[in-house]
N, C-alpha and C. Protein backbone atom coordinates (compact mmCIF):
# COMPACT_ATOMS: atom_id res chain seq x y z
N MET A 1 144.35 127.72 77.49
CA MET A 1 143.74 127.97 78.78
C MET A 1 142.26 127.70 78.80
N ALA A 2 141.78 126.89 79.78
CA ALA A 2 140.39 126.55 79.87
C ALA A 2 139.62 127.82 80.48
N ARG A 3 138.31 127.73 80.36
CA ARG A 3 137.50 128.82 80.96
C ARG A 3 137.88 128.95 82.42
N PRO A 4 138.13 130.15 82.86
CA PRO A 4 138.58 130.38 84.26
C PRO A 4 137.58 129.89 85.22
N LYS A 5 138.04 129.17 86.28
CA LYS A 5 137.14 128.62 87.30
C LYS A 5 137.28 129.38 88.62
N THR A 6 138.48 129.92 88.87
CA THR A 6 138.75 130.59 90.09
C THR A 6 139.22 132.04 89.74
N ILE A 7 138.50 133.02 90.23
CA ILE A 7 138.85 134.45 89.99
C ILE A 7 139.41 135.01 91.25
N CYS A 8 140.63 135.56 91.18
CA CYS A 8 141.19 136.30 92.30
C CYS A 8 140.89 137.75 92.17
N VAL A 9 140.24 138.36 93.15
CA VAL A 9 139.92 139.79 93.07
C VAL A 9 140.78 140.60 94.00
N PHE A 10 141.54 141.51 93.51
CA PHE A 10 142.31 142.47 94.31
C PHE A 10 141.42 143.70 94.49
N CYS A 11 141.34 144.24 95.70
CA CYS A 11 140.50 145.38 95.90
C CYS A 11 140.76 145.95 97.32
N GLY A 12 140.13 147.09 97.59
CA GLY A 12 140.33 147.80 98.83
C GLY A 12 139.66 147.18 100.01
N ALA A 13 140.29 147.19 101.14
CA ALA A 13 139.61 146.90 102.40
C ALA A 13 138.77 147.98 102.89
N LYS A 14 138.80 149.14 102.27
CA LYS A 14 137.90 150.24 102.50
C LYS A 14 136.93 150.42 101.33
N SER A 15 135.89 151.21 101.58
CA SER A 15 134.84 151.37 100.56
C SER A 15 135.16 152.49 99.54
N GLY A 16 136.09 153.37 99.89
CA GLY A 16 136.31 154.51 99.04
C GLY A 16 135.27 155.55 99.22
N ASN A 17 135.33 156.65 98.50
CA ASN A 17 134.35 157.73 98.69
C ASN A 17 133.34 157.87 97.59
N ASP A 18 133.16 156.79 96.83
CA ASP A 18 132.16 156.80 95.74
C ASP A 18 131.34 155.53 95.85
N GLU A 19 130.00 155.64 95.93
CA GLU A 19 129.18 154.40 96.08
C GLU A 19 129.31 153.53 94.81
N SER A 20 129.70 154.05 93.75
CA SER A 20 129.93 153.23 92.55
C SER A 20 130.94 152.09 92.82
N PHE A 21 131.89 152.32 93.65
CA PHE A 21 132.91 151.27 93.88
C PHE A 21 132.27 150.08 94.61
N ILE A 22 131.44 150.35 95.63
CA ILE A 22 130.81 149.26 96.35
C ILE A 22 129.81 148.54 95.36
N ASP A 23 129.08 149.31 94.61
CA ASP A 23 128.18 148.76 93.62
C ASP A 23 128.91 147.81 92.65
N ALA A 24 130.06 148.32 92.18
CA ALA A 24 130.84 147.43 91.21
C ALA A 24 131.29 146.17 91.86
N ALA A 25 131.75 146.23 93.14
CA ALA A 25 132.24 145.00 93.84
C ALA A 25 131.10 144.02 93.97
N THR A 26 129.93 144.59 94.32
CA THR A 26 128.74 143.70 94.54
C THR A 26 128.31 143.06 93.22
N GLU A 27 128.28 143.87 92.15
CA GLU A 27 127.92 143.31 90.86
C GLU A 27 128.89 142.28 90.42
N LEU A 28 130.16 142.46 90.61
CA LEU A 28 131.17 141.43 90.20
C LEU A 28 131.01 140.20 91.03
N GLY A 29 130.80 140.30 92.34
CA GLY A 29 130.57 139.13 93.20
C GLY A 29 129.35 138.34 92.74
N ASP A 30 128.25 139.11 92.42
CA ASP A 30 127.04 138.45 91.91
C ASP A 30 127.35 137.66 90.71
N ALA A 31 128.05 138.25 89.73
CA ALA A 31 128.38 137.60 88.46
C ALA A 31 129.23 136.37 88.67
N ILE A 32 130.21 136.42 89.55
CA ILE A 32 131.11 135.30 89.85
C ILE A 32 130.31 134.14 90.37
N GLY A 33 129.40 134.46 91.34
CA GLY A 33 128.57 133.38 91.89
C GLY A 33 127.58 132.84 90.87
N LEU A 34 126.91 133.66 90.11
CA LEU A 34 125.98 133.16 89.16
C LEU A 34 126.59 132.37 88.01
N GLU A 35 127.86 132.59 87.73
CA GLU A 35 128.59 131.88 86.68
C GLU A 35 129.16 130.59 87.26
N GLY A 36 128.98 130.31 88.51
CA GLY A 36 129.50 129.08 89.14
C GLY A 36 130.99 129.08 89.29
N MET A 37 131.57 130.25 89.36
CA MET A 37 133.05 130.35 89.56
C MET A 37 133.32 130.51 91.06
N ALA A 38 134.58 130.22 91.38
CA ALA A 38 135.06 130.38 92.71
C ALA A 38 135.70 131.71 92.87
N LEU A 39 135.68 132.30 94.08
CA LEU A 39 136.29 133.55 94.41
C LEU A 39 137.41 133.38 95.36
N LEU A 40 138.56 134.01 95.06
CA LEU A 40 139.72 134.03 95.86
C LEU A 40 139.99 135.50 96.19
N TYR A 41 140.09 135.82 97.56
CA TYR A 41 140.25 137.26 97.87
C TYR A 41 141.04 137.40 99.15
N GLY A 42 141.25 138.63 99.53
CA GLY A 42 142.16 138.92 100.66
C GLY A 42 141.69 138.72 102.07
N GLY A 43 140.36 138.41 102.20
CA GLY A 43 139.82 138.00 103.46
C GLY A 43 139.13 138.98 104.32
N GLY A 44 139.10 140.27 104.06
CA GLY A 44 138.51 141.20 104.90
C GLY A 44 136.99 141.20 104.80
N ALA A 45 136.29 141.62 105.83
CA ALA A 45 134.78 141.66 105.76
C ALA A 45 134.32 143.06 105.48
N GLU A 46 135.18 144.04 105.40
CA GLU A 46 134.75 145.39 105.18
C GLU A 46 135.18 145.88 103.80
N GLY A 47 134.67 147.05 103.45
CA GLY A 47 135.05 147.65 102.16
C GLY A 47 134.68 146.84 100.95
N LEU A 48 135.41 147.07 99.89
CA LEU A 48 135.14 146.28 98.65
C LEU A 48 135.40 144.81 98.82
N MET A 49 136.40 144.43 99.63
CA MET A 49 136.61 143.03 99.92
C MET A 49 135.36 142.33 100.41
N GLY A 50 134.77 142.91 101.43
CA GLY A 50 133.60 142.28 101.98
C GLY A 50 132.44 142.28 101.07
N ALA A 51 132.30 143.32 100.24
CA ALA A 51 131.17 143.36 99.34
C ALA A 51 131.25 142.33 98.23
N VAL A 52 132.43 142.19 97.63
CA VAL A 52 132.49 141.16 96.61
C VAL A 52 132.40 139.78 97.13
N ALA A 53 132.92 139.53 98.32
CA ALA A 53 132.89 138.15 98.88
C ALA A 53 131.47 137.83 99.36
N ARG A 54 130.76 138.74 99.95
CA ARG A 54 129.36 138.44 100.40
C ARG A 54 128.50 138.22 99.22
N ALA A 55 128.63 138.99 98.12
CA ALA A 55 127.81 138.80 96.94
C ALA A 55 128.10 137.48 96.27
N ALA A 56 129.36 137.10 96.16
CA ALA A 56 129.64 135.81 95.51
C ALA A 56 129.12 134.65 96.41
N ALA A 57 129.28 134.75 97.65
CA ALA A 57 128.86 133.62 98.62
C ALA A 57 127.30 133.50 98.47
N GLU A 58 126.63 134.63 98.44
CA GLU A 58 125.14 134.59 98.41
C GLU A 58 124.59 133.85 97.16
N HIS A 59 125.42 133.85 96.10
CA HIS A 59 125.02 133.19 94.85
C HIS A 59 125.74 131.85 94.69
N GLY A 60 126.22 131.31 95.76
CA GLY A 60 126.75 129.93 95.77
C GLY A 60 128.20 129.74 95.40
N SER A 61 128.95 130.88 95.31
CA SER A 61 130.33 130.77 94.88
C SER A 61 131.16 130.10 96.08
N LEU A 62 132.12 129.30 95.68
CA LEU A 62 133.10 128.83 96.68
C LEU A 62 134.04 130.04 96.97
N VAL A 63 134.03 130.48 98.22
CA VAL A 63 134.81 131.65 98.55
C VAL A 63 136.01 131.28 99.41
N THR A 64 137.20 131.72 98.97
CA THR A 64 138.45 131.44 99.76
C THR A 64 139.08 132.72 100.23
N ALA A 65 139.26 132.87 101.49
CA ALA A 65 139.94 134.06 102.00
C ALA A 65 141.40 133.66 102.34
N VAL A 66 142.32 134.48 101.88
CA VAL A 66 143.72 134.26 102.16
C VAL A 66 144.17 135.47 102.98
N MET A 67 144.57 135.18 104.22
CA MET A 67 144.86 136.24 105.19
C MET A 67 146.16 135.99 105.90
N PRO A 68 147.04 137.00 105.96
CA PRO A 68 148.25 136.91 106.76
C PRO A 68 147.82 136.94 108.27
N ARG A 69 148.58 136.16 109.11
CA ARG A 69 148.17 136.01 110.46
C ARG A 69 148.08 137.35 111.21
N PHE A 70 149.08 138.24 110.94
CA PHE A 70 149.06 139.52 111.67
C PHE A 70 147.80 140.32 111.33
N LEU A 71 147.24 140.15 110.12
CA LEU A 71 146.00 140.92 109.78
C LEU A 71 144.80 140.15 110.30
N ALA A 72 144.84 138.86 110.38
CA ALA A 72 143.68 138.07 110.89
C ALA A 72 143.40 138.43 112.32
N ASP A 73 144.45 138.85 113.02
CA ASP A 73 144.30 139.22 114.46
C ASP A 73 143.79 140.63 114.70
N ARG A 74 143.72 141.42 113.62
CA ARG A 74 143.29 142.82 113.85
C ARG A 74 142.17 143.31 113.02
N ILE A 75 141.82 142.64 111.87
CA ILE A 75 140.68 143.12 111.10
C ILE A 75 139.58 142.12 111.06
N PRO A 76 138.32 142.49 110.93
CA PRO A 76 137.20 141.58 110.85
C PRO A 76 137.20 140.80 109.59
N MET A 77 136.78 139.54 109.72
CA MET A 77 136.66 138.68 108.55
C MET A 77 135.18 138.25 108.42
N LEU A 78 134.75 137.79 107.27
CA LEU A 78 133.45 137.30 107.05
C LEU A 78 133.13 136.17 107.99
N ALA A 79 131.96 136.00 108.44
CA ALA A 79 131.61 134.93 109.32
C ALA A 79 131.78 133.52 108.75
N ALA A 80 131.49 133.41 107.42
CA ALA A 80 131.46 132.08 106.91
C ALA A 80 131.99 132.01 105.40
N PRO A 81 133.17 132.38 105.16
CA PRO A 81 133.75 131.98 103.84
C PRO A 81 133.92 130.50 103.83
N HIS A 82 133.91 129.88 102.67
CA HIS A 82 134.00 128.46 102.65
C HIS A 82 135.37 127.94 103.06
N GLU A 83 136.38 128.71 102.86
CA GLU A 83 137.80 128.31 103.24
C GLU A 83 138.55 129.56 103.68
N ILE A 84 139.24 129.39 104.79
CA ILE A 84 140.09 130.48 105.29
C ILE A 84 141.51 129.94 105.29
N VAL A 85 142.39 130.58 104.60
CA VAL A 85 143.75 130.14 104.54
C VAL A 85 144.60 131.20 105.26
N ILE A 86 145.20 130.86 106.44
CA ILE A 86 145.96 131.76 107.24
C ILE A 86 147.44 131.53 106.87
N VAL A 87 148.15 132.60 106.45
CA VAL A 87 149.49 132.46 105.97
C VAL A 87 150.41 133.33 106.86
N PRO A 88 151.72 133.06 106.83
CA PRO A 88 152.58 133.81 107.77
C PRO A 88 152.89 135.25 107.37
N ASP A 89 152.73 135.57 106.06
CA ASP A 89 153.15 136.95 105.63
C ASP A 89 152.47 137.34 104.31
N MET A 90 152.69 138.55 103.89
CA MET A 90 152.08 139.04 102.66
C MET A 90 152.65 138.35 101.44
N HIS A 91 153.90 138.03 101.43
CA HIS A 91 154.53 137.33 100.34
C HIS A 91 153.88 136.00 100.10
N THR A 92 153.63 135.22 101.19
CA THR A 92 152.99 133.95 100.99
C THR A 92 151.54 134.11 100.51
N ARG A 93 150.86 135.12 100.98
CA ARG A 93 149.52 135.36 100.54
C ARG A 93 149.49 135.55 99.03
N LYS A 94 150.34 136.40 98.48
CA LYS A 94 150.36 136.60 97.02
C LYS A 94 150.71 135.30 96.29
N ARG A 95 151.69 134.55 96.80
CA ARG A 95 152.05 133.31 96.15
C ARG A 95 150.91 132.38 96.00
N ILE A 96 150.16 132.20 97.10
CA ILE A 96 149.04 131.34 97.12
C ILE A 96 147.91 131.83 96.08
N MET A 97 147.69 133.11 96.13
CA MET A 97 146.78 133.69 95.17
C MET A 97 147.15 133.45 93.74
N PHE A 98 148.41 133.69 93.47
CA PHE A 98 148.93 133.55 92.07
C PHE A 98 148.83 132.13 91.66
N GLU A 99 149.12 131.13 92.57
CA GLU A 99 149.07 129.74 92.19
C GLU A 99 147.67 129.26 92.02
N ARG A 100 146.71 129.67 92.87
CA ARG A 100 145.34 129.09 92.78
C ARG A 100 144.46 129.71 91.76
N ALA A 101 144.65 130.98 91.46
CA ALA A 101 143.81 131.72 90.55
C ALA A 101 143.97 131.29 89.07
N ASP A 102 142.88 131.38 88.34
CA ASP A 102 142.96 131.26 86.86
C ASP A 102 142.98 132.59 86.19
N ALA A 103 142.52 133.60 86.88
CA ALA A 103 142.45 135.00 86.36
C ALA A 103 142.35 135.96 87.52
N PHE A 104 142.69 137.24 87.25
CA PHE A 104 142.72 138.27 88.26
C PHE A 104 141.89 139.45 87.81
N VAL A 105 141.25 140.09 88.81
CA VAL A 105 140.49 141.31 88.54
C VAL A 105 140.93 142.33 89.58
N ALA A 106 141.27 143.55 89.14
CA ALA A 106 141.64 144.61 90.09
C ALA A 106 140.51 145.66 90.16
N LEU A 107 139.75 145.57 91.21
CA LEU A 107 138.73 146.60 91.54
C LEU A 107 139.52 147.81 92.13
N PRO A 108 138.84 148.93 92.33
CA PRO A 108 139.49 149.98 93.03
C PRO A 108 140.08 149.59 94.37
N GLY A 109 141.18 150.20 94.74
CA GLY A 109 141.84 149.89 96.00
C GLY A 109 143.01 150.81 96.21
N GLY A 110 143.83 150.49 97.21
CA GLY A 110 144.92 151.34 97.62
C GLY A 110 146.27 150.77 97.24
N ILE A 111 147.26 151.05 98.06
CA ILE A 111 148.64 150.62 97.77
C ILE A 111 148.79 149.13 97.64
N GLY A 112 148.10 148.35 98.50
CA GLY A 112 148.19 146.94 98.47
C GLY A 112 147.65 146.39 97.19
N THR A 113 146.56 146.94 96.71
CA THR A 113 145.95 146.53 95.42
C THR A 113 146.91 146.79 94.29
N ILE A 114 147.55 147.99 94.33
CA ILE A 114 148.48 148.37 93.19
C ILE A 114 149.67 147.38 93.30
N GLU A 115 150.18 147.05 94.44
CA GLU A 115 151.24 146.11 94.50
C GLU A 115 150.96 144.75 93.92
N GLU A 116 149.75 144.27 94.26
CA GLU A 116 149.32 142.95 93.80
C GLU A 116 149.15 142.98 92.22
N LEU A 117 148.50 143.96 91.70
CA LEU A 117 148.24 143.91 90.28
C LEU A 117 149.50 144.16 89.49
N THR A 118 150.44 144.98 90.02
CA THR A 118 151.65 145.24 89.28
C THR A 118 152.58 144.02 89.28
N GLU A 119 152.45 143.22 90.39
CA GLU A 119 153.24 142.02 90.36
C GLU A 119 152.74 141.00 89.38
N VAL A 120 151.43 140.97 89.16
CA VAL A 120 150.91 140.09 88.14
C VAL A 120 151.41 140.50 86.74
N VAL A 121 151.41 141.88 86.49
CA VAL A 121 151.91 142.37 85.24
C VAL A 121 153.40 142.00 85.05
N THR A 122 154.16 142.15 86.16
CA THR A 122 155.60 141.87 86.05
C THR A 122 155.85 140.40 85.73
N LEU A 123 155.10 139.51 86.41
CA LEU A 123 155.29 138.06 86.17
C LEU A 123 154.90 137.71 84.73
N HIS A 124 153.93 138.43 84.20
CA HIS A 124 153.60 138.15 82.79
C HIS A 124 154.70 138.61 81.85
N LYS A 125 155.25 139.81 82.14
CA LYS A 125 156.28 140.32 81.31
C LYS A 125 157.52 139.44 81.37
N LEU A 126 157.75 138.83 82.50
CA LEU A 126 158.91 137.90 82.66
C LEU A 126 158.59 136.48 82.20
N GLU A 127 157.38 136.31 81.67
CA GLU A 127 156.92 134.99 81.17
C GLU A 127 156.89 133.92 82.21
N GLN A 128 156.56 134.40 83.41
CA GLN A 128 156.41 133.41 84.54
C GLN A 128 154.94 132.94 84.71
N GLN A 129 154.02 133.70 84.05
CA GLN A 129 152.63 133.28 84.06
C GLN A 129 151.87 133.94 82.91
N ARG A 130 150.79 133.32 82.52
CA ARG A 130 149.98 133.86 81.36
C ARG A 130 148.54 134.13 81.74
N LYS A 131 148.27 134.20 83.01
CA LYS A 131 146.87 134.38 83.50
C LYS A 131 146.50 135.86 83.38
N PRO A 132 145.25 136.07 82.81
CA PRO A 132 144.83 137.42 82.51
C PRO A 132 144.57 138.29 83.74
N LEU A 133 144.74 139.55 83.60
CA LEU A 133 144.39 140.51 84.63
C LEU A 133 143.49 141.60 84.02
N VAL A 134 142.34 141.82 84.60
CA VAL A 134 141.40 142.87 84.18
C VAL A 134 141.43 144.03 85.16
N PHE A 135 141.70 145.22 84.64
CA PHE A 135 141.52 146.43 85.41
C PHE A 135 140.04 146.82 85.38
N ALA A 136 139.41 146.77 86.51
CA ALA A 136 137.97 147.25 86.60
C ALA A 136 138.01 148.71 86.73
N ASN A 137 137.93 149.38 85.63
CA ASN A 137 138.23 150.84 85.58
C ASN A 137 136.92 151.65 85.87
N VAL A 138 136.36 151.38 87.08
CA VAL A 138 135.11 152.00 87.50
C VAL A 138 135.25 153.47 87.55
N LYS A 139 134.45 154.17 86.78
CA LYS A 139 134.46 155.69 86.71
C LYS A 139 135.86 156.15 86.49
N GLY A 140 136.63 155.43 85.70
CA GLY A 140 137.99 155.93 85.39
C GLY A 140 139.00 155.73 86.45
N PHE A 141 138.71 154.91 87.47
CA PHE A 141 139.58 154.86 88.63
C PHE A 141 141.02 154.52 88.34
N TRP A 142 141.27 153.59 87.42
CA TRP A 142 142.65 153.16 87.09
C TRP A 142 143.25 154.00 86.02
N GLN A 143 142.53 154.98 85.47
CA GLN A 143 143.12 155.78 84.37
C GLN A 143 144.47 156.40 84.65
N PRO A 144 144.73 156.96 85.88
CA PRO A 144 146.00 157.49 86.17
C PRO A 144 147.13 156.48 86.14
N LEU A 145 146.85 155.26 86.65
CA LEU A 145 147.85 154.23 86.61
C LEU A 145 148.13 153.79 85.12
N LEU A 146 147.07 153.66 84.34
CA LEU A 146 147.25 153.30 82.94
C LEU A 146 148.04 154.37 82.20
N GLN A 147 147.75 155.62 82.59
CA GLN A 147 148.56 156.76 81.95
C GLN A 147 150.03 156.62 82.43
N LEU A 148 150.26 156.23 83.64
CA LEU A 148 151.66 156.07 84.10
C LEU A 148 152.35 155.00 83.27
N PHE A 149 151.63 153.90 83.00
CA PHE A 149 152.22 152.82 82.18
C PHE A 149 152.62 153.41 80.80
N SER A 150 151.72 154.22 80.23
CA SER A 150 152.01 154.87 78.96
C SER A 150 153.27 155.77 79.10
N HIS A 151 153.30 156.52 80.15
CA HIS A 151 154.53 157.36 80.40
C HIS A 151 155.78 156.57 80.43
N LEU A 152 155.74 155.45 81.18
CA LEU A 152 156.94 154.62 81.26
C LEU A 152 157.34 154.02 79.90
N GLU A 153 156.35 153.72 79.08
CA GLU A 153 156.53 153.27 77.75
C GLU A 153 157.21 154.29 76.91
N ARG A 154 156.63 155.56 76.90
CA ARG A 154 157.19 156.63 76.13
C ARG A 154 158.55 157.00 76.62
N SER A 155 158.88 156.76 77.88
CA SER A 155 160.18 157.10 78.42
C SER A 155 161.22 156.02 78.21
N GLY A 156 160.81 154.94 77.64
CA GLY A 156 161.73 153.82 77.28
C GLY A 156 162.08 152.89 78.43
N PHE A 157 161.26 152.88 79.45
CA PHE A 157 161.51 151.95 80.56
C PHE A 157 160.73 150.64 80.55
N ILE A 158 159.76 150.60 79.70
CA ILE A 158 159.06 149.31 79.49
C ILE A 158 158.84 149.15 78.02
N SER A 159 158.66 147.91 77.56
CA SER A 159 158.53 147.65 76.13
C SER A 159 157.20 148.23 75.64
N ASP A 160 157.14 148.36 74.33
CA ASP A 160 156.02 149.13 73.73
C ASP A 160 154.75 148.28 73.64
N ASP A 161 154.79 146.99 74.14
CA ASP A 161 153.55 146.19 74.04
C ASP A 161 152.81 146.03 75.37
N LEU A 162 153.24 146.71 76.44
CA LEU A 162 152.63 146.48 77.65
C LEU A 162 151.15 146.91 77.68
N MET A 163 150.84 148.08 77.12
CA MET A 163 149.42 148.53 77.11
C MET A 163 148.57 147.62 76.34
N SER A 164 149.01 146.94 75.32
CA SER A 164 148.24 146.08 74.54
C SER A 164 147.93 144.76 75.29
N LYS A 165 148.63 144.61 76.41
CA LYS A 165 148.52 143.36 77.19
C LYS A 165 147.72 143.62 78.45
N CYS A 166 147.02 144.78 78.55
CA CYS A 166 146.19 145.08 79.70
C CYS A 166 144.76 145.02 79.30
N LEU A 167 143.97 144.17 80.03
CA LEU A 167 142.57 144.11 79.80
C LEU A 167 141.92 145.23 80.65
N VAL A 168 141.12 146.02 80.07
CA VAL A 168 140.49 147.12 80.80
C VAL A 168 139.00 147.08 80.56
N ALA A 169 138.21 147.03 81.66
CA ALA A 169 136.77 146.92 81.58
C ALA A 169 136.22 148.24 82.29
N ASP A 170 135.41 148.91 81.56
CA ASP A 170 134.78 150.17 82.11
C ASP A 170 133.60 149.85 83.02
N THR A 171 133.03 148.74 82.83
CA THR A 171 131.83 148.34 83.69
C THR A 171 132.06 146.90 84.21
N PRO A 172 131.51 146.57 85.39
CA PRO A 172 131.66 145.25 85.95
C PRO A 172 131.07 144.18 85.01
N SER A 173 129.99 144.49 84.31
CA SER A 173 129.32 143.51 83.48
C SER A 173 130.22 143.07 82.32
N ALA A 174 131.23 143.86 81.98
CA ALA A 174 132.22 143.55 80.86
C ALA A 174 133.25 142.52 81.29
N ILE A 175 133.46 142.36 82.61
CA ILE A 175 134.70 141.65 83.06
C ILE A 175 134.65 140.18 82.73
N LEU A 176 133.63 139.48 83.12
CA LEU A 176 133.65 138.01 82.86
C LEU A 176 133.54 137.68 81.34
N PRO A 177 132.78 138.40 80.51
CA PRO A 177 132.84 138.16 79.11
C PRO A 177 134.18 138.39 78.55
N MET A 178 134.94 139.36 79.09
CA MET A 178 136.31 139.61 78.59
C MET A 178 137.22 138.41 78.96
N LEU A 179 137.01 137.87 80.16
CA LEU A 179 137.86 136.73 80.50
C LEU A 179 137.50 135.51 79.69
N ARG A 180 136.18 135.31 79.38
CA ARG A 180 135.85 134.15 78.55
C ARG A 180 136.39 134.29 77.19
N GLU A 181 136.42 135.54 76.65
CA GLU A 181 136.98 135.78 75.28
C GLU A 181 138.50 135.49 75.31
N PHE A 182 139.14 135.98 76.40
CA PHE A 182 140.58 135.71 76.53
C PHE A 182 140.82 134.18 76.54
N SER A 183 140.04 133.46 77.31
CA SER A 183 140.23 131.97 77.35
C SER A 183 140.07 131.31 75.98
N ALA A 184 139.04 131.79 75.32
CA ALA A 184 138.76 131.21 73.97
C ALA A 184 139.94 131.52 73.03
N ASN A 185 140.40 132.78 73.05
CA ASN A 185 141.51 133.09 72.16
C ASN A 185 142.80 132.37 72.51
N ALA A 186 142.98 132.12 73.86
CA ALA A 186 144.21 131.44 74.30
C ALA A 186 144.15 129.97 73.83
N VAL A 187 143.01 129.34 73.84
CA VAL A 187 142.88 127.98 73.38
C VAL A 187 143.12 127.94 71.85
N GLY A 188 142.60 128.95 71.16
CA GLY A 188 142.85 128.94 69.69
C GLY A 188 144.27 129.23 69.35
N HIS A 189 144.92 130.06 70.07
CA HIS A 189 146.36 130.26 69.85
C HIS A 189 147.24 129.05 70.16
N ALA A 190 146.85 128.34 71.25
CA ALA A 190 147.61 127.16 71.63
C ALA A 190 147.51 126.12 70.52
N ALA A 191 146.30 126.05 69.93
CA ALA A 191 146.14 125.03 68.85
C ALA A 191 147.01 125.34 67.66
N ASN A 192 147.27 126.62 67.54
CA ASN A 192 148.14 127.07 66.39
C ASN A 192 149.61 127.31 66.79
N ALA A 193 149.94 126.88 67.98
CA ALA A 193 151.32 126.98 68.52
C ALA A 193 151.75 128.44 68.60
N VAL A 194 150.87 129.32 68.94
CA VAL A 194 151.14 130.73 69.13
C VAL A 194 150.94 131.06 70.58
N SER A 195 151.86 131.79 71.20
CA SER A 195 151.76 132.19 72.59
C SER A 195 150.58 133.10 72.75
N PRO A 196 149.77 132.89 73.80
CA PRO A 196 148.63 133.76 74.04
C PRO A 196 149.05 135.16 74.46
N ALA A 197 148.27 136.15 74.13
CA ALA A 197 148.56 137.55 74.49
C ALA A 197 147.29 138.15 75.08
N TRP A 198 147.51 139.09 75.97
CA TRP A 198 146.39 139.76 76.52
C TRP A 198 145.72 140.62 75.44
N CYS A 199 144.43 140.93 75.72
CA CYS A 199 143.67 141.77 74.75
C CYS A 199 143.48 143.13 75.33
N SER A 200 143.38 144.17 74.52
CA SER A 200 142.99 145.48 74.98
C SER A 200 141.51 145.54 74.94
N ARG A 201 140.93 146.57 75.56
CA ARG A 201 139.48 146.68 75.52
C ARG A 201 138.98 147.07 74.15
């Protein structure tokens, strides 16, 4: 796997009740833009979605918004993302995101964010894709979900290697270095004919 060029960020259309969430989204967007990477996101102008997209765009990132038509008609969008992709439904939105992205980051968010990130994990477990996913565990936000994964593992419903395949970053500044390390390891493994695996933090 080459160095990721397009980062898909899953996150809330709301800001949440902690300013650290908005700060993290802005810091990640800044980093994506400064690294010369492209941003793929859900299209909203508010909440963490808007924060990460505005920050990335301000630093020259190519920003692509993928928005189901029924949401495009009811929620505000940024005035000038570089590309707006209007799709018929949520399923198509995820398919396009999964196809176009080189890597995924899950910032804090709600049910939609959980659905998106768990589908990425499921596709990896089914060996349908090998693209990395980083949980941006801002102030321990994803800890309950990670603990649920551990519970499912202990209960015998998932294999015992799932947790070792989750990238977890406690700070936004750790996310892109983690993805670069993953890419370097994947290239090394490919050269040795070994399937790449996700890294733990």
